């Protein structure tokens, strides 16, 4: 099973995640899920369910991960304007400053990871795999048509044609 793309992607993700943990926890005191939350909150307040969707992390885990960020003054919750059951999460000034500090480190790690590769091709392949993975998640019994086209490097739409 080592030759399966899924196994190799999981192994790659685990290695990247472990490396990120070492760097971002040691230098900035943020765990991987917290890092994902902070980067998604960039400029706009978001509901927890939207954070979960964007990060592909369980909503309950997102909620638990927000608490320490709130305690550190990096994020704040505010009432949702149209849904009394939900709240919005936003970066505080301290949260924005932390993102500004760790962003160059994240960019450097990303550059090193894809060094020597065609970035557009890597992005196109990742987009195509994401479309297929979402399809398999939505249709676990593998029903429905299979995606057939891989987006061109210049087509960053991420979808099958």
N, C-alpha and C. Protein backbone atom coordinates (compact mmCIF):
# COMPACT_ATOMS: atom_id res chain seq x y z
N UNK A 1 0.83 -1.21 0.00
CA UNK A 1 0.00 0.00 0.00
C UNK A 1 0.87 1.26 0.00
N UNK A 2 2.17 1.13 0.18
CA UNK A 2 3.03 2.30 0.17
C UNK A 2 3.00 3.05 -1.15
N UNK A 3 2.65 2.37 -2.24
CA UNK A 3 2.59 3.01 -3.54
C UNK A 3 1.31 3.80 -3.76
N UNK A 4 0.32 3.63 -2.88
CA UNK A 4 -0.94 4.37 -3.03
C UNK A 4 -0.69 5.86 -2.81
N UNK A 5 -1.25 6.66 -3.69
CA UNK A 5 -1.10 8.11 -3.57
C UNK A 5 -1.63 8.58 -2.22
N UNK A 6 -2.75 8.04 -1.78
CA UNK A 6 -3.34 8.47 -0.51
C UNK A 6 -2.39 8.22 0.65
N UNK A 7 -1.73 7.06 0.66
CA UNK A 7 -0.79 6.75 1.74
C UNK A 7 0.37 7.72 1.71
N UNK A 8 0.87 8.01 0.54
CA UNK A 8 2.02 8.91 0.42
C UNK A 8 1.64 10.34 0.81
N UNK A 9 0.43 10.76 0.46
CA UNK A 9 -0.01 12.11 0.84
C UNK A 9 -0.14 12.22 2.35
N UNK A 10 -0.69 11.19 2.97
CA UNK A 10 -0.81 11.20 4.44
C UNK A 10 0.57 11.25 5.08
N UNK A 11 1.51 10.46 4.56
CA UNK A 11 2.87 10.47 5.10
C UNK A 11 3.50 11.85 4.93
N UNK A 12 3.33 12.45 3.76
CA UNK A 12 3.86 13.79 3.50
C UNK A 12 3.23 14.81 4.44
N UNK A 13 1.91 14.75 4.58
CA UNK A 13 1.21 15.69 5.47
C UNK A 13 1.69 15.54 6.91
N UNK A 14 1.90 14.31 7.35
CA UNK A 14 2.40 14.08 8.71
C UNK A 14 3.78 14.68 8.92
N UNK A 15 4.66 14.49 7.94
CA UNK A 15 6.01 15.05 8.06
C UNK A 15 5.97 16.58 8.09
N UNK A 16 5.18 17.17 7.20
CA UNK A 16 5.06 18.62 7.17
C UNK A 16 4.46 19.13 8.47
N UNK A 17 3.44 18.44 8.96
CA UNK A 17 2.78 18.83 10.20
C UNK A 17 3.73 18.75 11.39
N UNK A 18 4.50 17.66 11.49
CA UNK A 18 5.46 17.53 12.60
C UNK A 18 6.51 18.64 12.54
N UNK A 19 7.00 18.93 11.33
CA UNK A 19 7.98 20.00 11.19
C UNK A 19 7.41 21.36 11.56
N UNK A 20 6.18 21.61 11.13
CA UNK A 20 5.53 22.87 11.47
C UNK A 20 5.33 22.98 12.98
N UNK A 21 4.93 21.88 13.59
CA UNK A 21 4.73 21.88 15.04
C UNK A 21 6.01 22.30 15.76
N UNK A 22 7.10 21.70 15.36
CA UNK A 22 8.38 22.02 16.01
C UNK A 22 8.71 23.50 15.90
N UNK A 23 8.53 24.05 14.71
CA UNK A 23 8.92 25.44 14.48
C UNK A 23 7.92 26.41 15.10
N UNK A 24 6.64 26.26 14.78
CA UNK A 24 5.67 27.27 15.19
C UNK A 24 5.31 27.19 16.67
N UNK A 25 5.37 26.01 17.26
CA UNK A 25 5.14 25.93 18.71
C UNK A 25 6.33 26.52 19.46
N UNK A 26 7.54 26.17 19.01
CA UNK A 26 8.74 26.66 19.71
C UNK A 26 8.91 28.17 19.56
N UNK A 27 8.73 28.69 18.35
CA UNK A 27 9.00 30.12 18.11
C UNK A 27 7.83 31.03 18.47
N UNK A 28 6.60 30.54 18.24
CA UNK A 28 5.44 31.43 18.37
C UNK A 28 4.39 30.93 19.35
N UNK A 29 4.57 29.73 19.90
CA UNK A 29 3.63 29.21 20.88
C UNK A 29 2.26 28.85 20.32
N UNK A 30 2.20 28.51 19.02
CA UNK A 30 0.92 28.12 18.42
C UNK A 30 1.00 26.70 17.87
N UNK A 31 -0.04 25.95 18.13
CA UNK A 31 -0.15 24.58 17.61
C UNK A 31 -0.67 24.64 16.18
N UNK A 32 -0.57 23.52 15.48
CA UNK A 32 -0.94 23.50 14.06
C UNK A 32 -2.37 23.96 13.80
N UNK A 33 -3.33 23.46 14.57
CA UNK A 33 -4.72 23.88 14.33
C UNK A 33 -4.89 25.36 14.63
N UNK A 34 -4.23 25.85 15.67
CA UNK A 34 -4.28 27.28 15.98
C UNK A 34 -3.68 28.10 14.84
N UNK A 35 -2.59 27.60 14.28
CA UNK A 35 -1.95 28.26 13.15
C UNK A 35 -2.91 28.34 11.98
N UNK A 36 -3.60 27.26 11.70
CA UNK A 36 -4.56 27.25 10.59
C UNK A 36 -5.69 28.23 10.84
N UNK A 37 -6.15 28.32 12.07
CA UNK A 37 -7.22 29.26 12.41
C UNK A 37 -6.74 30.69 12.20
N UNK A 38 -5.58 31.00 12.74
CA UNK A 38 -5.04 32.36 12.63
C UNK A 38 -4.85 32.79 11.18
N UNK A 39 -4.36 31.88 10.34
CA UNK A 39 -4.14 32.25 8.95
C UNK A 39 -5.45 32.42 8.20
N UNK A 40 -6.48 31.67 8.56
CA UNK A 40 -7.78 31.81 7.89
C UNK A 40 -8.48 33.10 8.29
N UNK A 41 -8.20 33.58 9.48
CA UNK A 41 -8.87 34.79 9.96
C UNK A 41 -8.24 36.05 9.40
N UNK A 42 -7.17 35.93 8.66
CA UNK A 42 -6.47 37.06 8.06
C UNK A 42 -7.12 38.41 8.19
N UNK A 43 -8.20 38.68 7.47
CA UNK A 43 -8.76 40.01 7.50
C UNK A 43 -10.23 40.07 7.80
N UNK A 44 -10.88 38.94 7.95
CA UNK A 44 -12.33 38.99 8.13
C UNK A 44 -12.78 38.08 9.27
N UNK A 45 -13.72 38.54 10.07
CA UNK A 45 -14.30 37.66 11.10
C UNK A 45 -15.08 36.53 10.42
N UNK A 46 -14.98 35.35 10.99
CA UNK A 46 -15.64 34.18 10.43
C UNK A 46 -16.38 33.39 11.50
N UNK A 47 -17.51 32.77 11.14
CA UNK A 47 -18.17 31.85 12.07
C UNK A 47 -17.33 30.58 12.22
N UNK A 48 -17.49 29.89 13.34
CA UNK A 48 -16.73 28.68 13.62
C UNK A 48 -16.96 27.63 12.52
N UNK A 49 -18.21 27.49 12.06
CA UNK A 49 -18.45 26.47 11.04
C UNK A 49 -17.73 26.79 9.73
N UNK A 50 -17.55 28.06 9.42
CA UNK A 50 -16.81 28.43 8.22
C UNK A 50 -15.31 28.18 8.41
N UNK A 51 -14.81 28.44 9.61
CA UNK A 51 -13.41 28.10 9.91
C UNK A 51 -13.19 26.60 9.75
N UNK A 52 -14.13 25.81 10.25
CA UNK A 52 -14.02 24.36 10.14
C UNK A 52 -14.02 23.93 8.68
N UNK A 53 -14.89 24.53 7.89
CA UNK A 53 -14.95 24.18 6.47
C UNK A 53 -13.65 24.55 5.75
N UNK A 54 -13.17 25.75 6.00
CA UNK A 54 -11.96 26.21 5.31
C UNK A 54 -10.71 25.46 5.72
N UNK A 55 -10.63 25.04 6.97
CA UNK A 55 -9.44 24.35 7.46
C UNK A 55 -9.55 22.84 7.35
N UNK A 56 -10.75 22.34 7.03
CA UNK A 56 -11.01 20.90 6.98
C UNK A 56 -10.73 20.26 8.33
N UNK A 57 -11.13 20.97 9.38
CA UNK A 57 -10.98 20.48 10.76
C UNK A 57 -12.36 20.47 11.39
N UNK A 58 -12.62 19.46 12.22
CA UNK A 58 -13.90 19.31 12.90
C UNK A 58 -14.28 20.58 13.68
N UNK A 59 -15.56 20.94 13.60
CA UNK A 59 -16.06 22.17 14.24
C UNK A 59 -15.79 22.18 15.75
N UNK A 60 -15.97 21.04 16.40
CA UNK A 60 -15.72 20.97 17.85
C UNK A 60 -14.24 21.20 18.15
N UNK A 61 -13.37 20.65 17.31
CA UNK A 61 -11.93 20.84 17.51
C UNK A 61 -11.56 22.30 17.29
N UNK A 62 -12.17 22.94 16.31
CA UNK A 62 -11.94 24.37 16.07
C UNK A 62 -12.35 25.15 17.32
N UNK A 63 -13.54 24.87 17.86
CA UNK A 63 -14.01 25.58 19.05
C UNK A 63 -13.04 25.41 20.21
N UNK A 64 -12.57 24.18 20.42
CA UNK A 64 -11.61 23.94 21.51
C UNK A 64 -10.30 24.69 21.25
N UNK A 65 -9.90 24.77 20.00
CA UNK A 65 -8.63 25.43 19.67
C UNK A 65 -8.72 26.95 19.77
N UNK A 66 -9.92 27.49 19.66
CA UNK A 66 -10.11 28.94 19.76
C UNK A 66 -9.92 29.41 21.20
N UNK A 67 -10.32 28.59 22.17
CA UNK A 67 -10.24 29.01 23.58
C UNK A 67 -8.87 29.50 24.00
N UNK A 68 -7.79 28.72 23.76
CA UNK A 68 -6.48 29.24 24.18
C UNK A 68 -6.06 30.49 23.40
N UNK A 69 -6.50 30.60 22.16
CA UNK A 69 -6.19 31.81 21.39
C UNK A 69 -6.90 33.02 21.99
N UNK A 70 -8.14 32.81 22.46
CA UNK A 70 -8.86 33.90 23.15
C UNK A 70 -8.16 34.27 24.44
N UNK A 71 -7.76 33.26 25.20
CA UNK A 71 -7.09 33.51 26.48
C UNK A 71 -5.79 34.28 26.30
N UNK A 72 -5.12 34.06 25.19
CA UNK A 72 -3.87 34.77 24.90
C UNK A 72 -4.12 36.14 24.28
N UNK A 73 -5.39 36.46 24.01
CA UNK A 73 -5.72 37.76 23.42
C UNK A 73 -5.43 37.84 21.93
N UNK A 74 -5.36 36.69 21.25
CA UNK A 74 -5.05 36.68 19.82
C UNK A 74 -6.29 36.70 18.95
N UNK A 75 -7.40 36.20 19.48
CA UNK A 75 -8.68 36.25 18.77
C UNK A 75 -9.76 36.69 19.75
N UNK A 76 -10.87 37.13 19.18
CA UNK A 76 -12.03 37.49 20.01
C UNK A 76 -13.29 36.98 19.32
N UNK A 77 -14.26 36.70 20.13
CA UNK A 77 -15.57 36.31 19.59
C UNK A 77 -16.50 37.51 19.67
N UNK A 78 -17.40 37.57 18.69
CA UNK A 78 -18.40 38.63 18.69
C UNK A 78 -19.72 38.03 18.21
N UNK A 79 -20.83 38.65 18.53
CA UNK A 79 -22.12 38.11 18.09
C UNK A 79 -22.22 38.09 16.57
N UNK A 80 -22.85 37.04 16.08
CA UNK A 80 -23.13 36.94 14.64
C UNK A 80 -24.28 37.89 14.33
N UNK A 81 -24.19 38.68 13.27
CA UNK A 81 -25.24 39.68 13.02
C UNK A 81 -26.60 39.09 12.64
N UNK A 82 -26.63 37.87 12.10
CA UNK A 82 -27.91 37.33 11.64
C UNK A 82 -28.28 35.99 12.28
N UNK A 83 -27.38 35.39 13.06
CA UNK A 83 -27.64 34.08 13.66
C UNK A 83 -27.32 34.13 15.14
N UNK A 84 -28.35 34.16 15.97
CA UNK A 84 -28.16 34.26 17.42
C UNK A 84 -27.46 33.04 18.01
N UNK A 85 -27.49 31.90 17.30
CA UNK A 85 -26.85 30.69 17.82
C UNK A 85 -25.35 30.67 17.54
N UNK A 86 -24.89 31.53 16.66
CA UNK A 86 -23.48 31.50 16.24
C UNK A 86 -22.76 32.77 16.69
N UNK A 87 -21.46 32.67 16.69
CA UNK A 87 -20.64 33.85 16.93
C UNK A 87 -19.58 33.91 15.84
N UNK A 88 -19.02 35.09 15.69
CA UNK A 88 -17.93 35.29 14.75
C UNK A 88 -16.62 35.32 15.52
N UNK A 89 -15.56 34.88 14.88
CA UNK A 89 -14.23 34.91 15.47
C UNK A 89 -13.38 35.83 14.61
N UNK A 90 -12.63 36.70 15.28
CA UNK A 90 -11.79 37.65 14.54
C UNK A 90 -10.43 37.76 15.23
N UNK A 91 -9.43 38.15 14.46
CA UNK A 91 -8.12 38.42 15.03
C UNK A 91 -8.15 39.73 15.81
N UNK A 92 -7.44 39.76 16.91
CA UNK A 92 -7.20 41.01 17.62
C UNK A 92 -5.95 41.65 17.02
N UNK A 93 -5.60 42.83 17.49
CA UNK A 93 -4.35 43.46 17.03
C UNK A 93 -3.16 42.57 17.35
N UNK A 94 -3.15 41.96 18.54
CA UNK A 94 -2.06 41.04 18.90
C UNK A 94 -2.04 39.84 17.96
N UNK A 95 -3.21 39.35 17.59
CA UNK A 95 -3.30 38.23 16.66
C UNK A 95 -2.76 38.60 15.29
N UNK A 96 -3.14 39.78 14.81
CA UNK A 96 -2.62 40.27 13.53
C UNK A 96 -1.10 40.39 13.57
N UNK A 97 -0.58 40.91 14.66
CA UNK A 97 0.87 41.06 14.80
C UNK A 97 1.56 39.70 14.80
N UNK A 98 0.98 38.72 15.47
CA UNK A 98 1.56 37.38 15.48
C UNK A 98 1.57 36.79 14.07
N UNK A 99 0.48 36.95 13.33
CA UNK A 99 0.42 36.46 11.95
C UNK A 99 1.50 37.16 11.12
N UNK A 100 1.67 38.45 11.30
CA UNK A 100 2.72 39.18 10.57
C UNK A 100 4.10 38.63 10.89
N UNK A 101 4.30 38.21 12.14
CA UNK A 101 5.61 37.68 12.55
C UNK A 101 5.86 36.29 12.01
N UNK A 102 4.84 35.43 11.99
CA UNK A 102 5.12 34.06 11.54
C UNK A 102 4.94 33.87 10.03
N UNK A 103 4.31 34.81 9.35
CA UNK A 103 4.10 34.68 7.90
C UNK A 103 5.41 34.50 7.12
N UNK A 104 6.46 35.27 7.39
CA UNK A 104 7.71 35.06 6.64
C UNK A 104 8.31 33.67 6.86
N UNK A 105 8.17 33.15 8.05
CA UNK A 105 8.67 31.80 8.35
C UNK A 105 7.87 30.78 7.55
N UNK A 106 6.55 30.94 7.51
CA UNK A 106 5.70 30.03 6.75
C UNK A 106 6.03 30.09 5.26
N UNK A 107 6.22 31.31 4.75
CA UNK A 107 6.56 31.45 3.33
C UNK A 107 7.91 30.80 3.02
N UNK A 108 8.88 30.98 3.89
CA UNK A 108 10.21 30.38 3.67
C UNK A 108 10.13 28.86 3.70
N UNK A 109 9.35 28.31 4.61
CA UNK A 109 9.18 26.85 4.67
C UNK A 109 8.50 26.34 3.40
N UNK A 110 7.51 27.08 2.92
CA UNK A 110 6.81 26.69 1.70
C UNK A 110 7.76 26.74 0.50
N UNK A 111 8.55 27.81 0.41
CA UNK A 111 9.52 27.92 -0.70
C UNK A 111 10.50 26.75 -0.68
N UNK A 112 10.97 26.41 0.50
CA UNK A 112 11.94 25.30 0.61
C UNK A 112 11.29 23.98 0.21
N UNK A 113 10.04 23.78 0.59
CA UNK A 113 9.35 22.54 0.26
C UNK A 113 9.22 22.35 -1.24
N UNK A 114 8.91 23.42 -1.96
CA UNK A 114 8.69 23.27 -3.40
C UNK A 114 9.89 23.71 -4.24
N UNK A 115 11.01 23.96 -3.59
CA UNK A 115 12.22 24.38 -4.29
C UNK A 115 12.55 23.39 -5.41
N UNK A 116 12.81 23.94 -6.60
CA UNK A 116 13.17 23.12 -7.74
C UNK A 116 11.97 22.56 -8.50
N UNK A 117 10.78 22.81 -8.01
CA UNK A 117 9.55 22.35 -8.67
C UNK A 117 8.86 23.53 -9.34
N UNK A 118 8.07 23.26 -10.33
CA UNK A 118 7.27 24.29 -10.98
C UNK A 118 6.06 24.57 -10.09
N UNK A 119 6.05 25.74 -9.45
CA UNK A 119 5.01 26.05 -8.48
C UNK A 119 3.61 25.98 -9.09
N UNK A 120 3.45 26.47 -10.30
CA UNK A 120 2.13 26.44 -10.95
C UNK A 120 1.67 25.01 -11.16
N UNK A 121 2.57 24.13 -11.54
CA UNK A 121 2.20 22.72 -11.74
C UNK A 121 1.87 22.05 -10.40
N UNK A 122 2.64 22.38 -9.38
CA UNK A 122 2.35 21.82 -8.05
C UNK A 122 0.96 22.27 -7.60
N UNK A 123 0.66 23.57 -7.75
CA UNK A 123 -0.65 24.09 -7.35
C UNK A 123 -1.77 23.44 -8.16
N UNK A 124 -1.55 23.27 -9.47
CA UNK A 124 -2.57 22.64 -10.32
C UNK A 124 -2.83 21.20 -9.89
N UNK A 125 -1.78 20.47 -9.59
CA UNK A 125 -1.93 19.09 -9.15
C UNK A 125 -2.66 19.03 -7.80
N UNK A 126 -2.28 19.91 -6.89
CA UNK A 126 -2.96 19.94 -5.59
C UNK A 126 -4.43 20.31 -5.74
N UNK A 127 -4.73 21.28 -6.62
CA UNK A 127 -6.12 21.66 -6.88
C UNK A 127 -6.91 20.47 -7.40
N UNK A 128 -6.32 19.75 -8.35
CA UNK A 128 -7.01 18.59 -8.94
C UNK A 128 -7.22 17.50 -7.89
N UNK A 129 -6.22 17.24 -7.07
CA UNK A 129 -6.36 16.23 -6.01
C UNK A 129 -7.41 16.65 -4.99
N UNK A 130 -7.48 17.95 -4.69
CA UNK A 130 -8.47 18.44 -3.74
C UNK A 130 -9.88 18.22 -4.28
N UNK A 131 -10.09 18.50 -5.55
CA UNK A 131 -11.40 18.28 -6.17
C UNK A 131 -11.78 16.81 -6.06
N UNK A 132 -10.84 15.94 -6.36
CA UNK A 132 -11.12 14.51 -6.32
C UNK A 132 -11.35 14.03 -4.89
N UNK A 133 -10.57 14.54 -3.95
CA UNK A 133 -10.74 14.15 -2.55
C UNK A 133 -12.10 14.61 -2.02
N UNK A 134 -12.51 15.83 -2.38
CA UNK A 134 -13.83 16.32 -1.96
C UNK A 134 -14.94 15.47 -2.56
N UNK A 135 -14.75 15.03 -3.81
CA UNK A 135 -15.72 14.16 -4.45
C UNK A 135 -15.82 12.83 -3.72
N UNK A 136 -14.68 12.26 -3.37
CA UNK A 136 -14.69 10.98 -2.65
C UNK A 136 -15.30 11.15 -1.27
N UNK A 137 -15.05 12.28 -0.62
CA UNK A 137 -15.66 12.55 0.68
C UNK A 137 -17.17 12.67 0.55
N UNK A 138 -17.63 13.36 -0.48
CA UNK A 138 -19.06 13.56 -0.72
C UNK A 138 -19.74 12.28 -1.19
N UNK A 139 -19.02 11.49 -1.98
CA UNK A 139 -19.56 10.25 -2.55
C UNK A 139 -18.70 9.07 -2.14
N UNK A 140 -18.75 8.68 -0.85
CA UNK A 140 -17.84 7.64 -0.36
C UNK A 140 -18.04 6.28 -1.03
N UNK A 141 -19.21 6.04 -1.61
CA UNK A 141 -19.43 4.77 -2.30
C UNK A 141 -18.94 4.84 -3.75
N UNK A 142 -18.27 5.96 -4.10
CA UNK A 142 -17.68 6.20 -5.41
C UNK A 142 -18.72 6.24 -6.52
N UNK A 143 -19.93 6.68 -6.19
CA UNK A 143 -20.96 6.85 -7.21
C UNK A 143 -20.74 8.17 -7.94
N UNK A 144 -21.35 8.28 -9.07
CA UNK A 144 -21.26 9.53 -9.83
C UNK A 144 -20.08 9.52 -10.77
N UNK A 145 -20.04 10.52 -11.64
CA UNK A 145 -18.96 10.58 -12.64
C UNK A 145 -17.63 10.93 -11.98
N UNK A 146 -16.57 10.39 -12.53
CA UNK A 146 -15.23 10.71 -12.03
C UNK A 146 -14.76 12.01 -12.68
N UNK A 147 -14.04 12.84 -11.94
CA UNK A 147 -13.44 14.02 -12.57
C UNK A 147 -12.47 13.54 -13.65
N UNK A 148 -12.46 14.21 -14.79
CA UNK A 148 -11.64 13.72 -15.89
C UNK A 148 -10.47 14.61 -16.24
N UNK A 149 -10.57 15.90 -16.03
CA UNK A 149 -9.51 16.79 -16.50
C UNK A 149 -8.73 17.36 -15.32
N UNK A 150 -7.44 17.47 -15.50
CA UNK A 150 -6.59 18.15 -14.53
C UNK A 150 -6.47 19.59 -15.00
N UNK A 151 -6.70 20.56 -14.08
CA UNK A 151 -6.60 21.97 -14.51
C UNK A 151 -5.21 22.28 -15.04
N UNK A 152 -5.16 23.17 -16.04
CA UNK A 152 -3.88 23.64 -16.55
C UNK A 152 -3.20 24.43 -15.45
N UNK A 153 -1.89 24.56 -15.56
CA UNK A 153 -1.14 25.33 -14.57
C UNK A 153 -1.66 26.76 -14.47
N UNK A 154 -2.15 27.30 -15.58
CA UNK A 154 -2.66 28.67 -15.57
C UNK A 154 -4.08 28.77 -15.06
N UNK A 155 -4.79 27.65 -14.97
CA UNK A 155 -6.18 27.64 -14.51
C UNK A 155 -6.23 27.32 -13.04
N UNK A 156 -6.39 28.33 -12.18
CA UNK A 156 -6.37 28.12 -10.74
C UNK A 156 -7.78 27.97 -10.19
N UNK A 157 -8.75 27.61 -11.06
CA UNK A 157 -10.13 27.45 -10.61
C UNK A 157 -10.31 26.27 -9.70
N UNK A 158 -9.44 25.25 -9.79
CA UNK A 158 -9.47 24.12 -8.88
C UNK A 158 -10.50 23.07 -9.23
N UNK A 159 -11.28 23.24 -10.26
CA UNK A 159 -12.33 22.27 -10.54
C UNK A 159 -12.04 21.43 -11.75
N UNK A 160 -12.75 20.32 -11.82
CA UNK A 160 -12.65 19.49 -13.01
C UNK A 160 -13.50 20.11 -14.09
N UNK A 161 -13.19 19.82 -15.35
CA UNK A 161 -13.97 20.39 -16.46
C UNK A 161 -14.94 19.40 -16.98
